[in-house]
Amino acid sequence: MKKLFRFLILLALISPLSANAQFEKARDSVIQLFGIVTTSDSLEGIPAVSVTIRGTNRGTITNKDGVFSIAALKGDVIEFSHVSYEPLVKTIPKNIEGTQHGMVVLMTKDVKYLPVAIIKPRPTKEQFARDFVNVSVADDEMELIRKNNTASMRRVLMRTTPLDGREATNMQLNKLYEKTKYQGQVPPMNIFNPAAWSEFIQAWKRGDFRRKN
């Protein structure tokens, strides 16, 4: 029992020393990593390059001159990525001296090679003239505007285009007004109203009452 008690006392004395040693070791491995990311051909700084530490959620991006700075540990793996350049990986040496470390990163443009396209002319001028005349050209914006501005197209758009917020609110307010206007009495009949008959005839001529497929 005494031996167990002595062992626990010794363990209690050694544990803080071990924790302090691990803390000192971790603190000594923390460094400030800084550097610049440039193109491999012209050595121009690349902005907006993602600089992340592998295995962690920590990172930063380069500024407009391609310069970056981030706190890291000795031996960390640093990943550099950009949408226009090939990804690159750098490792911080574990045996560096001091609390700062700088690096120059050269990135190569990510070039995509397309299949070879061979352009051949027409055999004769007559065939070229024939194909040029018969080719179908897509409508430009002005032609689309002309087609959509015809009377028939405007009627179709008026029936099919949904109301916006303002129009829907005005329609709801008009319905509420008509409902409360004749509250407690019989609303008048428009069968003998010449204006209502004129509007009905115009709507009939326009085809508003035709059956829609």
N, C-alpha and C. Protein backbone atom coordinates (compact mmCIF):
# COMPACT_ATOMS: atom_id res chain seq x y z
N MET A 1 0.82 -1.20 0.00
CA MET A 1 0.00 0.00 0.00
C MET A 1 0.86 1.25 0.00
N LYS A 2 1.96 1.18 0.78
CA LYS A 2 2.87 2.33 0.83
C LYS A 2 3.55 2.53 -0.53
N LYS A 3 3.90 1.39 -1.18
CA LYS A 3 4.55 1.51 -2.49
C LYS A 3 3.61 2.15 -3.50
N LEU A 4 2.33 1.77 -3.47
CA LEU A 4 1.36 2.36 -4.37
C LEU A 4 1.20 3.85 -4.11
N PHE A 5 1.18 4.24 -2.84
CA PHE A 5 1.05 5.65 -2.49
C PHE A 5 2.25 6.45 -2.98
N ARG A 6 3.47 5.87 -2.81
CA ARG A 6 4.67 6.56 -3.29
C ARG A 6 4.66 6.68 -4.81
N PHE A 7 4.16 5.64 -5.50
CA PHE A 7 4.11 5.68 -6.96
C PHE A 7 3.16 6.77 -7.46
N LEU A 8 2.03 6.93 -6.77
CA LEU A 8 1.08 7.97 -7.16
C LEU A 8 1.66 9.36 -6.93
N ILE A 9 2.39 9.52 -5.83
CA ILE A 9 3.01 10.83 -5.56
C ILE A 9 4.06 11.14 -6.62
N LEU A 10 4.88 10.11 -6.97
CA LEU A 10 5.90 10.32 -7.99
C LEU A 10 5.27 10.63 -9.34
N LEU A 11 4.15 9.96 -9.68
CA LEU A 11 3.46 10.22 -10.95
C LEU A 11 2.88 11.62 -10.99
N ALA A 12 2.37 12.08 -9.84
CA ALA A 12 1.82 13.44 -9.77
C ALA A 12 2.89 14.49 -9.95
N LEU A 13 4.12 14.18 -9.48
CA LEU A 13 5.22 15.14 -9.63
C LEU A 13 5.76 15.15 -11.05
N ILE A 14 5.74 13.99 -11.73
CA ILE A 14 6.33 13.90 -13.06
C ILE A 14 5.38 14.43 -14.13
N SER A 15 4.05 14.27 -13.94
CA SER A 15 3.08 14.66 -14.97
C SER A 15 3.15 16.13 -15.34
N PRO A 16 3.22 17.07 -14.37
CA PRO A 16 3.34 18.48 -14.77
C PRO A 16 4.62 18.76 -15.53
N LEU A 17 5.72 18.08 -15.15
CA LEU A 17 6.97 18.31 -15.87
C LEU A 17 6.86 17.83 -17.31
N SER A 18 6.21 16.66 -17.51
CA SER A 18 6.04 16.15 -18.86
C SER A 18 5.13 17.04 -19.69
N ALA A 19 4.06 17.53 -19.09
CA ALA A 19 3.15 18.42 -19.81
C ALA A 19 3.85 19.72 -20.19
N ASN A 20 4.64 20.25 -19.26
CA ASN A 20 5.38 21.48 -19.56
C ASN A 20 6.39 21.25 -20.68
N ALA A 21 7.02 20.08 -20.68
CA ALA A 21 7.99 19.78 -21.73
C ALA A 21 7.31 19.68 -23.08
N GLN A 22 6.13 19.04 -23.11
CA GLN A 22 5.40 18.95 -24.37
C GLN A 22 4.93 20.32 -24.83
N PHE A 23 4.51 21.17 -23.88
CA PHE A 23 4.07 22.51 -24.24
C PHE A 23 5.23 23.34 -24.80
N GLU A 24 6.40 23.22 -24.15
CA GLU A 24 7.57 23.94 -24.63
C GLU A 24 7.98 23.46 -26.01
N LYS A 25 7.87 22.14 -26.24
CA LYS A 25 8.23 21.59 -27.54
C LYS A 25 7.27 22.08 -28.62
N ALA A 26 5.97 22.11 -28.30
CA ALA A 26 4.98 22.60 -29.28
C ALA A 26 5.17 24.08 -29.53
N ARG A 27 5.49 24.84 -28.48
CA ARG A 27 5.69 26.27 -28.67
C ARG A 27 6.93 26.56 -29.51
N ASP A 28 7.96 25.77 -29.35
CA ASP A 28 9.18 25.97 -30.13
C ASP A 28 8.97 25.62 -31.60
N SER A 29 7.98 24.74 -31.92
CA SER A 29 7.76 24.34 -33.31
C SER A 29 6.87 25.31 -34.06
N VAL A 30 6.25 26.28 -33.40
CA VAL A 30 5.39 27.25 -34.06
C VAL A 30 6.26 28.31 -34.74
N ILE A 31 5.99 28.55 -36.02
CA ILE A 31 6.73 29.54 -36.77
C ILE A 31 5.76 30.42 -37.56
N GLN A 32 6.28 31.55 -38.01
CA GLN A 32 5.52 32.43 -38.89
C GLN A 32 6.01 32.21 -40.32
N LEU A 33 5.13 31.62 -41.13
CA LEU A 33 5.48 31.32 -42.51
C LEU A 33 5.04 32.47 -43.40
N PHE A 34 5.94 32.97 -44.21
CA PHE A 34 5.62 34.04 -45.14
C PHE A 34 6.34 33.76 -46.45
N GLY A 35 5.85 34.39 -47.50
CA GLY A 35 6.47 34.18 -48.80
C GLY A 35 5.70 34.88 -49.90
N ILE A 36 6.04 34.56 -51.12
CA ILE A 36 5.42 35.15 -52.29
C ILE A 36 5.18 34.05 -53.32
N VAL A 37 4.04 34.13 -54.00
CA VAL A 37 3.67 33.17 -55.03
C VAL A 37 3.72 33.90 -56.37
N THR A 38 4.54 33.39 -57.30
CA THR A 38 4.72 34.03 -58.59
C THR A 38 4.54 33.01 -59.71
N THR A 39 4.42 33.52 -60.92
CA THR A 39 4.36 32.65 -62.09
C THR A 39 5.75 32.12 -62.40
N SER A 40 5.81 30.93 -62.93
CA SER A 40 7.09 30.30 -63.21
C SER A 40 7.79 30.87 -64.44
N ASP A 41 7.05 31.53 -65.32
CA ASP A 41 7.67 32.05 -66.54
C ASP A 41 8.04 33.52 -66.45
N SER A 42 7.17 34.36 -65.86
CA SER A 42 7.43 35.79 -65.81
C SER A 42 7.71 36.32 -64.41
N LEU A 43 7.60 35.45 -63.38
CA LEU A 43 7.87 35.84 -61.99
C LEU A 43 6.99 37.01 -61.54
N GLU A 44 5.74 37.02 -61.99
CA GLU A 44 4.79 38.03 -61.55
C GLU A 44 3.96 37.46 -60.40
N GLY A 45 3.68 38.31 -59.42
CA GLY A 45 2.90 37.87 -58.27
C GLY A 45 1.48 37.47 -58.66
N ILE A 46 1.02 36.37 -58.07
CA ILE A 46 -0.32 35.85 -58.37
C ILE A 46 -1.24 36.17 -57.20
N PRO A 47 -2.26 36.98 -57.40
CA PRO A 47 -3.19 37.26 -56.30
C PRO A 47 -4.22 36.15 -56.12
N ALA A 48 -4.86 36.14 -54.96
CA ALA A 48 -5.99 35.24 -54.65
C ALA A 48 -5.61 33.77 -54.75
N VAL A 49 -4.39 33.41 -54.36
CA VAL A 49 -3.99 32.01 -54.30
C VAL A 49 -4.33 31.45 -52.91
N SER A 50 -5.00 30.32 -52.85
CA SER A 50 -5.37 29.71 -51.57
C SER A 50 -4.15 29.01 -50.98
N VAL A 51 -3.82 29.39 -49.75
CA VAL A 51 -2.70 28.79 -49.02
C VAL A 51 -3.29 28.10 -47.79
N THR A 52 -3.30 26.77 -47.79
CA THR A 52 -3.92 26.01 -46.70
C THR A 52 -2.92 25.02 -46.12
N ILE A 53 -3.12 24.71 -44.85
CA ILE A 53 -2.30 23.72 -44.16
C ILE A 53 -3.03 22.38 -44.22
N ARG A 54 -2.38 21.38 -44.79
CA ARG A 54 -3.01 20.08 -44.99
C ARG A 54 -3.40 19.46 -43.65
N GLY A 55 -4.60 18.92 -43.60
CA GLY A 55 -5.08 18.27 -42.38
C GLY A 55 -5.73 19.21 -41.40
N THR A 56 -5.81 20.49 -41.69
CA THR A 56 -6.43 21.47 -40.80
C THR A 56 -7.41 22.31 -41.62
N ASN A 57 -8.16 23.13 -40.90
CA ASN A 57 -9.07 24.06 -41.57
C ASN A 57 -8.54 25.48 -41.54
N ARG A 58 -7.24 25.63 -41.46
CA ARG A 58 -6.60 26.92 -41.40
C ARG A 58 -5.97 27.24 -42.75
N GLY A 59 -6.04 28.51 -43.12
CA GLY A 59 -5.47 28.92 -44.38
C GLY A 59 -5.57 30.41 -44.57
N THR A 60 -5.08 30.87 -45.71
CA THR A 60 -5.12 32.28 -46.06
C THR A 60 -5.04 32.39 -47.58
N ILE A 61 -5.06 33.61 -48.10
CA ILE A 61 -4.92 33.85 -49.53
C ILE A 61 -3.87 34.93 -49.74
N THR A 62 -3.28 34.93 -50.92
CA THR A 62 -2.27 35.94 -51.23
C THR A 62 -2.95 37.26 -51.58
N ASN A 63 -2.21 38.36 -51.35
CA ASN A 63 -2.75 39.67 -51.67
C ASN A 63 -2.53 39.98 -53.15
N LYS A 64 -2.74 41.22 -53.53
CA LYS A 64 -2.64 41.58 -54.95
C LYS A 64 -1.24 41.40 -55.49
N ASP A 65 -0.22 41.40 -54.63
CA ASP A 65 1.17 41.21 -55.07
C ASP A 65 1.64 39.77 -54.95
N GLY A 66 0.75 38.86 -54.50
CA GLY A 66 1.12 37.46 -54.35
C GLY A 66 1.79 37.13 -53.02
N VAL A 67 1.76 38.04 -52.05
CA VAL A 67 2.42 37.83 -50.77
C VAL A 67 1.43 37.22 -49.78
N PHE A 68 1.91 36.30 -48.93
CA PHE A 68 1.06 35.67 -47.93
C PHE A 68 1.84 35.53 -46.63
N SER A 69 1.12 35.31 -45.55
CA SER A 69 1.71 35.09 -44.23
C SER A 69 0.72 34.31 -43.38
N ILE A 70 1.23 33.27 -42.69
CA ILE A 70 0.36 32.42 -41.88
C ILE A 70 1.20 31.74 -40.81
N ALA A 71 0.58 31.50 -39.66
CA ALA A 71 1.24 30.77 -38.58
C ALA A 71 1.13 29.28 -38.83
N ALA A 72 2.25 28.56 -38.71
CA ALA A 72 2.26 27.12 -38.99
C ALA A 72 3.24 26.44 -38.03
N LEU A 73 3.35 25.13 -38.16
CA LEU A 73 4.26 24.32 -37.37
C LEU A 73 5.37 23.77 -38.26
N LYS A 74 6.47 23.50 -37.67
CA LYS A 74 7.57 22.90 -38.42
C LYS A 74 7.16 21.50 -38.87
N GLY A 75 7.36 21.23 -40.15
CA GLY A 75 6.97 19.96 -40.72
C GLY A 75 5.59 19.95 -41.35
N ASP A 76 4.84 21.08 -41.26
CA ASP A 76 3.52 21.12 -41.90
C ASP A 76 3.64 21.08 -43.41
N VAL A 77 2.60 20.55 -44.04
CA VAL A 77 2.52 20.50 -45.50
C VAL A 77 1.59 21.62 -45.96
N ILE A 78 2.09 22.50 -46.80
CA ILE A 78 1.35 23.66 -47.25
C ILE A 78 0.90 23.41 -48.69
N GLU A 79 -0.39 23.62 -48.94
CA GLU A 79 -0.97 23.42 -50.27
C GLU A 79 -1.32 24.77 -50.89
N PHE A 80 -0.93 24.95 -52.14
CA PHE A 80 -1.21 26.16 -52.90
C PHE A 80 -2.11 25.79 -54.08
N SER A 81 -3.22 26.51 -54.23
CA SER A 81 -4.17 26.20 -55.30
C SER A 81 -4.75 27.49 -55.86
N HIS A 82 -5.01 27.44 -57.17
CA HIS A 82 -5.61 28.56 -57.90
C HIS A 82 -6.33 27.99 -59.10
N VAL A 83 -7.41 28.66 -59.53
CA VAL A 83 -8.22 28.12 -60.62
C VAL A 83 -7.47 28.12 -61.95
N SER A 84 -6.47 28.98 -62.10
CA SER A 84 -5.77 29.09 -63.39
C SER A 84 -4.40 28.44 -63.38
N TYR A 85 -3.99 27.85 -62.25
CA TYR A 85 -2.65 27.29 -62.14
C TYR A 85 -2.72 25.89 -61.57
N GLU A 86 -1.69 25.12 -61.86
CA GLU A 86 -1.62 23.77 -61.34
C GLU A 86 -1.33 23.80 -59.83
N PRO A 87 -2.00 22.94 -59.06
CA PRO A 87 -1.78 22.94 -57.60
C PRO A 87 -0.35 22.56 -57.26
N LEU A 88 0.10 23.05 -56.11
CA LEU A 88 1.48 22.84 -55.69
C LEU A 88 1.50 22.57 -54.19
N VAL A 89 2.44 21.75 -53.76
CA VAL A 89 2.57 21.36 -52.35
C VAL A 89 4.00 21.64 -51.90
N LYS A 90 4.12 22.29 -50.75
CA LYS A 90 5.42 22.57 -50.14
C LYS A 90 5.41 22.09 -48.70
N THR A 91 6.56 21.59 -48.24
CA THR A 91 6.71 21.10 -46.87
C THR A 91 7.69 21.99 -46.11
N ILE A 92 7.29 22.38 -44.91
CA ILE A 92 8.18 23.18 -44.07
C ILE A 92 9.20 22.25 -43.43
N PRO A 93 10.47 22.53 -43.55
CA PRO A 93 11.48 21.66 -42.92
C PRO A 93 11.31 21.63 -41.40
N LYS A 94 11.62 20.49 -40.81
CA LYS A 94 11.50 20.35 -39.36
C LYS A 94 12.73 20.87 -38.61
N ASN A 95 13.85 21.01 -39.30
CA ASN A 95 15.10 21.38 -38.63
C ASN A 95 15.48 22.84 -38.88
N ILE A 96 14.52 23.70 -39.19
CA ILE A 96 14.85 25.10 -39.41
C ILE A 96 15.09 25.79 -38.07
N GLU A 97 15.90 26.81 -38.11
CA GLU A 97 16.21 27.58 -36.90
C GLU A 97 15.35 28.83 -36.85
N GLY A 98 15.00 29.25 -35.65
CA GLY A 98 14.23 30.47 -35.46
C GLY A 98 12.74 30.23 -35.53
N THR A 99 12.01 31.33 -35.49
CA THR A 99 10.54 31.27 -35.48
C THR A 99 9.93 31.81 -36.77
N GLN A 100 10.75 32.04 -37.79
CA GLN A 100 10.25 32.54 -39.06
C GLN A 100 10.85 31.73 -40.19
N HIS A 101 10.06 31.61 -41.26
CA HIS A 101 10.53 30.88 -42.42
C HIS A 101 9.87 31.47 -43.67
N GLY A 102 10.67 31.74 -44.68
CA GLY A 102 10.16 32.31 -45.92
C GLY A 102 10.38 31.37 -47.08
N MET A 103 9.49 31.48 -48.08
CA MET A 103 9.62 30.65 -49.26
C MET A 103 9.09 31.40 -50.47
N VAL A 104 9.63 31.06 -51.62
CA VAL A 104 9.19 31.57 -52.91
C VAL A 104 8.56 30.41 -53.67
N VAL A 105 7.31 30.57 -54.05
CA VAL A 105 6.54 29.50 -54.69
C VAL A 105 6.32 29.88 -56.16
N LEU A 106 6.72 29.00 -57.05
CA LEU A 106 6.54 29.21 -58.49
C LEU A 106 5.43 28.29 -58.98
N MET A 107 4.37 28.87 -59.54
CA MET A 107 3.24 28.10 -60.03
C MET A 107 3.18 28.17 -61.55
N THR A 108 2.79 27.05 -62.15
CA THR A 108 2.70 26.93 -63.61
C THR A 108 1.24 27.00 -64.03
N LYS A 109 0.98 27.70 -65.12
CA LYS A 109 -0.38 27.82 -65.61
C LYS A 109 -0.94 26.45 -66.02
N ASP A 110 -2.20 26.25 -65.70
CA ASP A 110 -2.88 25.00 -66.04
C ASP A 110 -3.44 25.13 -67.46
N VAL A 111 -2.73 24.58 -68.42
CA VAL A 111 -3.09 24.70 -69.83
C VAL A 111 -3.83 23.44 -70.27
N LYS A 112 -4.95 23.62 -70.94
CA LYS A 112 -5.72 22.51 -71.48
C LYS A 112 -5.52 22.45 -72.99
N TYR A 113 -5.12 21.30 -73.48
CA TYR A 113 -4.88 21.12 -74.91
C TYR A 113 -6.12 20.54 -75.56
N LEU A 114 -6.63 21.25 -76.58
CA LEU A 114 -7.82 20.81 -77.31
C LEU A 114 -7.41 19.96 -78.50
N PRO A 115 -8.32 19.14 -78.99
CA PRO A 115 -8.01 18.35 -80.19
C PRO A 115 -7.70 19.25 -81.38
N VAL A 116 -6.93 18.71 -82.28
CA VAL A 116 -6.54 19.47 -83.46
C VAL A 116 -7.74 19.65 -84.38
N ALA A 117 -7.95 20.89 -84.85
CA ALA A 117 -9.03 21.21 -85.78
C ALA A 117 -8.42 21.66 -87.10
N ILE A 118 -8.80 21.00 -88.18
CA ILE A 118 -8.29 21.31 -89.52
C ILE A 118 -9.38 22.09 -90.27
N ILE A 119 -9.06 23.30 -90.69
CA ILE A 119 -9.99 24.17 -91.41
C ILE A 119 -9.69 24.06 -92.90
N LYS A 120 -10.69 23.66 -93.66
CA LYS A 120 -10.53 23.49 -95.09
C LYS A 120 -11.43 24.48 -95.83
N PRO A 121 -10.95 25.09 -96.91
CA PRO A 121 -11.79 25.99 -97.70
C PRO A 121 -12.75 25.22 -98.59
N ARG A 122 -13.73 25.95 -99.15
CA ARG A 122 -14.64 25.33 -100.11
C ARG A 122 -13.89 25.02 -101.41
N PRO A 123 -14.31 23.97 -102.11
CA PRO A 123 -13.58 23.60 -103.35
C PRO A 123 -13.59 24.71 -104.39
N THR A 124 -14.74 25.37 -104.57
CA THR A 124 -14.84 26.40 -105.60
C THR A 124 -15.53 27.64 -105.03
N LYS A 125 -15.37 28.76 -105.74
CA LYS A 125 -16.03 30.00 -105.33
C LYS A 125 -17.54 29.89 -105.48
N GLU A 126 -18.01 29.18 -106.50
CA GLU A 126 -19.44 29.02 -106.70
C GLU A 126 -20.08 28.26 -105.54
N GLN A 127 -19.43 27.21 -105.08
CA GLN A 127 -19.96 26.46 -103.94
C GLN A 127 -19.96 27.30 -102.67
N PHE A 128 -18.93 28.09 -102.48
CA PHE A 128 -18.89 28.98 -101.32
C PHE A 128 -20.02 30.00 -101.38
N ALA A 129 -20.26 30.60 -102.56
CA ALA A 129 -21.34 31.57 -102.69
C ALA A 129 -22.69 30.93 -102.43
N ARG A 130 -22.87 29.68 -102.94
CA ARG A 130 -24.14 28.99 -102.72
C ARG A 130 -24.37 28.70 -101.24
N ASP A 131 -23.34 28.19 -100.56
CA ASP A 131 -23.49 27.89 -99.13
C ASP A 131 -23.65 29.15 -98.30
N PHE A 132 -22.99 30.22 -98.71
CA PHE A 132 -23.08 31.47 -97.95
C PHE A 132 -24.48 32.06 -98.03
N VAL A 133 -25.10 31.94 -99.18
CA VAL A 133 -26.45 32.48 -99.35
C VAL A 133 -27.48 31.62 -98.63
N ASN A 134 -27.30 30.32 -98.64
CA ASN A 134 -28.30 29.41 -98.07
C ASN A 134 -28.12 29.13 -96.58
N VAL A 135 -27.06 29.64 -95.98
CA VAL A 135 -26.86 29.38 -94.57
C VAL A 135 -27.90 30.13 -93.74
N SER A 136 -28.37 29.51 -92.68
CA SER A 136 -29.38 30.12 -91.80
C SER A 136 -28.68 30.88 -90.67
N VAL A 137 -28.99 32.15 -90.57
CA VAL A 137 -28.38 33.01 -89.56
C VAL A 137 -29.37 33.19 -88.42
N ALA A 138 -28.88 33.05 -87.22
CA ALA A 138 -29.74 33.22 -86.04
C ALA A 138 -30.19 34.67 -85.91
N ASP A 139 -31.39 34.83 -85.39
CA ASP A 139 -31.93 36.18 -85.21
C ASP A 139 -31.11 36.95 -84.17
N ASP A 140 -30.89 38.21 -84.48
CA ASP A 140 -30.21 39.06 -83.51
C ASP A 140 -31.22 39.61 -82.52
N GLU A 141 -30.76 40.46 -81.62
CA GLU A 141 -31.63 40.99 -80.57
C GLU A 141 -32.72 41.90 -81.14
N MET A 142 -32.39 42.71 -82.13
CA MET A 142 -33.39 43.59 -82.71
C MET A 142 -34.49 42.81 -83.41
N GLU A 143 -34.12 41.72 -84.11
CA GLU A 143 -35.13 40.91 -84.77
C GLU A 143 -36.04 40.21 -83.75
N LEU A 144 -35.46 39.75 -82.64
CA LEU A 144 -36.28 39.16 -81.59
C LEU A 144 -37.23 40.17 -80.98
N ILE A 145 -36.76 41.41 -80.83
CA ILE A 145 -37.63 42.46 -80.30
C ILE A 145 -38.78 42.74 -81.26
N ARG A 146 -38.48 42.77 -82.57
CA ARG A 146 -39.55 43.01 -83.55
C ARG A 146 -40.59 41.90 -83.50
N LYS A 147 -40.15 40.64 -83.39
CA LYS A 147 -41.11 39.54 -83.34
C LYS A 147 -41.96 39.58 -82.07
N ASN A 148 -41.36 39.96 -80.97
CA ASN A 148 -42.11 39.99 -79.71
C ASN A 148 -42.96 41.24 -79.56
N ASN A 149 -42.87 42.19 -80.51
CA ASN A 149 -43.60 43.44 -80.40
C ASN A 149 -44.82 43.49 -81.33
N THR A 150 -45.14 42.38 -81.95
CA THR A 150 -46.33 42.35 -82.80
C THR A 150 -47.59 42.32 -81.93
N ALA A 151 -48.74 42.66 -82.55
CA ALA A 151 -49.99 42.72 -81.79
C ALA A 151 -50.38 41.35 -81.25
N SER A 152 -50.23 40.30 -82.07
CA SER A 152 -50.60 38.96 -81.62
C SER A 152 -49.70 38.48 -80.49
N MET A 153 -48.38 38.77 -80.61
CA MET A 153 -47.47 38.34 -79.57
C MET A 153 -47.71 39.11 -78.27
N ARG A 154 -48.06 40.39 -78.37
CA ARG A 154 -48.35 41.15 -77.15
C ARG A 154 -49.56 40.60 -76.43
N ARG A 155 -50.58 40.17 -77.19
CA ARG A 155 -51.75 39.58 -76.56
C ARG A 155 -51.40 38.26 -75.87
N VAL A 156 -50.55 37.46 -76.53
CA VAL A 156 -50.14 36.20 -75.92
C VAL A 156 -49.34 36.45 -74.65
N LEU A 157 -48.42 37.40 -74.71
CA LEU A 157 -47.63 37.70 -73.52
C LEU A 157 -48.48 38.29 -72.41
N MET A 158 -49.50 39.07 -72.77
CA MET A 158 -50.36 39.66 -71.76
C MET A 158 -51.16 38.59 -71.03
N ARG A 159 -51.55 37.51 -71.75
CA ARG A 159 -52.33 36.44 -71.12
C ARG A 159 -51.45 35.46 -70.34
N THR A 160 -50.22 35.28 -70.78
CA THR A 160 -49.37 34.25 -70.17
C THR A 160 -48.37 34.78 -69.15
N THR A 161 -48.02 36.06 -69.23
CA THR A 161 -47.04 36.61 -68.29
C THR A 161 -47.69 36.82 -66.93
N PRO A 162 -47.14 36.27 -65.87
CA PRO A 162 -47.74 36.46 -64.54
C PRO A 162 -47.60 37.90 -64.06
N LEU A 163 -48.48 38.28 -63.17
CA LEU A 163 -48.45 39.63 -62.61
C LEU A 163 -47.30 39.78 -61.63
N ASP A 164 -46.76 40.99 -61.59
CA ASP A 164 -45.74 41.26 -60.58
C ASP A 164 -46.41 41.66 -59.27
N GLY A 165 -45.63 42.03 -58.29
CA GLY A 165 -46.17 42.34 -56.98
C GLY A 165 -47.10 43.54 -56.98
N ARG A 166 -46.72 44.57 -57.72
CA ARG A 166 -47.55 45.78 -57.76
C ARG A 166 -48.88 45.53 -58.44
N GLU A 167 -48.86 44.83 -59.59
CA GLU A 167 -50.10 44.55 -60.30
C GLU A 167 -51.01 43.64 -59.49
N ALA A 168 -50.44 42.62 -58.84
CA ALA A 168 -51.27 41.74 -58.02
C ALA A 168 -51.89 42.49 -56.86
N THR A 169 -51.14 43.41 -56.26
CA THR A 169 -51.69 44.20 -55.15
C THR A 169 -52.81 45.11 -55.62
N ASN A 170 -52.63 45.76 -56.79
CA ASN A 170 -53.68 46.63 -57.32
C ASN A 170 -54.94 45.83 -57.65
N MET A 171 -54.77 44.63 -58.22
CA MET A 171 -55.93 43.81 -58.54
C MET A 171 -56.68 43.40 -57.27
N GLN A 172 -55.94 43.05 -56.24
CA GLN A 172 -56.58 42.67 -54.99
C GLN A 172 -57.31 43.85 -54.35
N LEU A 173 -56.69 45.02 -54.41
CA LEU A 173 -57.35 46.22 -53.87
C LEU A 173 -58.59 46.58 -54.67
N ASN A 174 -58.57 46.42 -55.99
CA ASN A 174 -59.75 46.71 -56.81
C ASN A 174 -60.88 45.75 -56.48
N LYS A 175 -60.56 44.45 -56.29
CA LYS A 175 -61.59 43.49 -55.91
C LYS A 175 -62.19 43.83 -54.56
N LEU A 176 -61.33 44.23 -53.63
CA LEU A 176 -61.83 44.60 -52.31
C LEU A 176 -62.69 45.86 -52.38
N TYR A 177 -62.30 46.79 -53.25
CA TYR A 177 -63.10 48.02 -53.41
C TYR A 177 -64.46 47.72 -54.00
N GLU A 178 -64.51 46.87 -55.05
CA GLU A 178 -65.78 46.52 -55.67
C GLU A 178 -66.67 45.75 -54.70
N LYS A 179 -66.05 44.98 -53.81
CA LYS A 179 -66.84 44.20 -52.86
C LYS A 179 -67.46 45.08 -51.79
N THR A 180 -66.69 46.06 -51.33
CA THR A 180 -67.19 46.94 -50.27
C THR A 180 -67.99 48.12 -50.81
N LYS A 181 -67.93 48.37 -52.13
CA LYS A 181 -68.63 49.52 -52.72
C LYS A 181 -70.14 49.34 -52.63
N TYR A 182 -70.60 48.12 -52.89
CA TYR A 182 -72.03 47.84 -52.87
C TYR A 182 -72.39 46.96 -51.68
N GLN A 183 -71.72 47.19 -50.56
CA GLN A 183 -72.00 46.42 -49.35
C GLN A 183 -73.41 46.72 -48.86
N GLY A 184 -74.25 45.68 -48.71
CA GLY A 184 -75.61 45.86 -48.20
C GLY A 184 -76.63 46.18 -49.27
N GLN A 185 -76.26 46.17 -50.54
CA GLN A 185 -77.21 46.46 -51.62
C GLN A 185 -76.89 45.59 -52.83
N VAL A 186 -77.82 45.57 -53.76
CA VAL A 186 -77.65 44.76 -54.96
C VAL A 186 -76.78 45.53 -55.95
N PRO A 187 -75.69 44.95 -56.46
CA PRO A 187 -74.86 45.67 -57.43
C PRO A 187 -75.61 45.90 -58.72
N PRO A 188 -75.33 46.98 -59.42
CA PRO A 188 -76.05 47.28 -60.67
C PRO A 188 -75.68 46.29 -61.77
N MET A 189 -76.61 46.11 -62.72
CA MET A 189 -76.41 45.22 -63.86
C MET A 189 -75.86 46.04 -65.02
N ASN A 190 -74.81 45.49 -65.67
CA ASN A 190 -74.19 46.19 -66.80
C ASN A 190 -74.73 45.75 -68.15
N ILE A 191 -75.85 45.04 -68.13
CA ILE A 191 -76.37 44.54 -69.40
C ILE A 191 -76.87 45.68 -70.29
N PHE A 192 -77.28 46.80 -69.66
CA PHE A 192 -77.75 47.94 -70.45
C PHE A 192 -76.72 49.07 -70.50
N ASN A 193 -75.48 48.73 -70.15
CA ASN A 193 -74.42 49.73 -70.16
C ASN A 193 -73.74 49.72 -71.54
N PRO A 194 -73.83 50.80 -72.33
CA PRO A 194 -73.20 50.80 -73.67
C PRO A 194 -71.69 50.60 -73.62
N ALA A 195 -71.04 51.16 -72.60
CA ALA A 195 -69.59 51.01 -72.50
C ALA A 195 -69.20 49.56 -72.27
N ALA A 196 -70.00 48.84 -71.45
CA ALA A 196 -69.71 47.43 -71.20
C ALA A 196 -69.91 46.61 -72.47
N TRP A 197 -70.97 46.92 -73.25
CA TRP A 197 -71.19 46.20 -74.50
C TRP A 197 -70.08 46.47 -75.50
N SER A 198 -69.59 47.71 -75.55
CA SER A 198 -68.49 48.04 -76.46
C SER A 198 -67.22 47.27 -76.09
N GLU A 199 -66.93 47.19 -74.81
CA GLU A 199 -65.75 46.43 -74.38
C GLU A 199 -65.91 44.95 -74.67
N PHE A 200 -67.16 44.42 -74.53
CA PHE A 200 -67.40 43.01 -74.82
C PHE A 200 -67.20 42.71 -76.30
N ILE A 201 -67.66 43.61 -77.17
CA ILE A 201 -67.51 43.40 -78.62
C ILE A 201 -66.05 43.45 -79.02
N GLN A 202 -65.30 44.39 -78.46
CA GLN A 202 -63.88 44.48 -78.77
C GLN A 202 -63.13 43.23 -78.31
N ALA A 203 -63.47 42.72 -77.14
CA ALA A 203 -62.83 41.51 -76.64
C ALA A 203 -63.18 40.31 -77.53
N TRP A 204 -64.43 40.28 -78.03
CA TRP A 204 -64.84 39.19 -78.92
C TRP A 204 -64.07 39.24 -80.23
N LYS A 205 -63.84 40.43 -80.76
CA LYS A 205 -63.09 40.56 -82.00
C LYS A 205 -61.62 40.17 -81.81
N ARG A 206 -61.10 40.50 -80.68
CA ARG A 206 -59.70 40.14 -80.42
C ARG A 206 -59.51 38.64 -80.24
N GLY A 207 -60.58 37.94 -79.94
CA GLY A 207 -60.46 36.50 -79.73
C GLY A 207 -60.14 36.12 -78.30
N ASP A 208 -60.53 36.99 -77.34
CA ASP A 208 -60.23 36.68 -75.94
C ASP A 208 -61.04 35.50 -75.42
N PHE A 209 -62.17 35.22 -76.07
CA PHE A 209 -63.04 34.14 -75.59
C PHE A 209 -62.84 32.84 -76.35
N ARG A 210 -61.81 32.77 -77.19
CA ARG A 210 -61.56 31.53 -77.91
C ARG A 210 -61.05 30.46 -76.95
N ARG A 211 -61.39 29.26 -77.26
CA ARG A 211 -60.97 28.13 -76.41
C ARG A 211 -59.48 27.88 -76.59
N LYS A 212 -58.77 27.81 -75.48
CA LYS A 212 -57.33 27.59 -75.52
C LYS A 212 -57.03 26.09 -75.48
N ASN A 213 -56.15 25.65 -76.37
CA ASN A 213 -55.79 24.23 -76.40
C ASN A 213 -54.91 23.90 -75.22
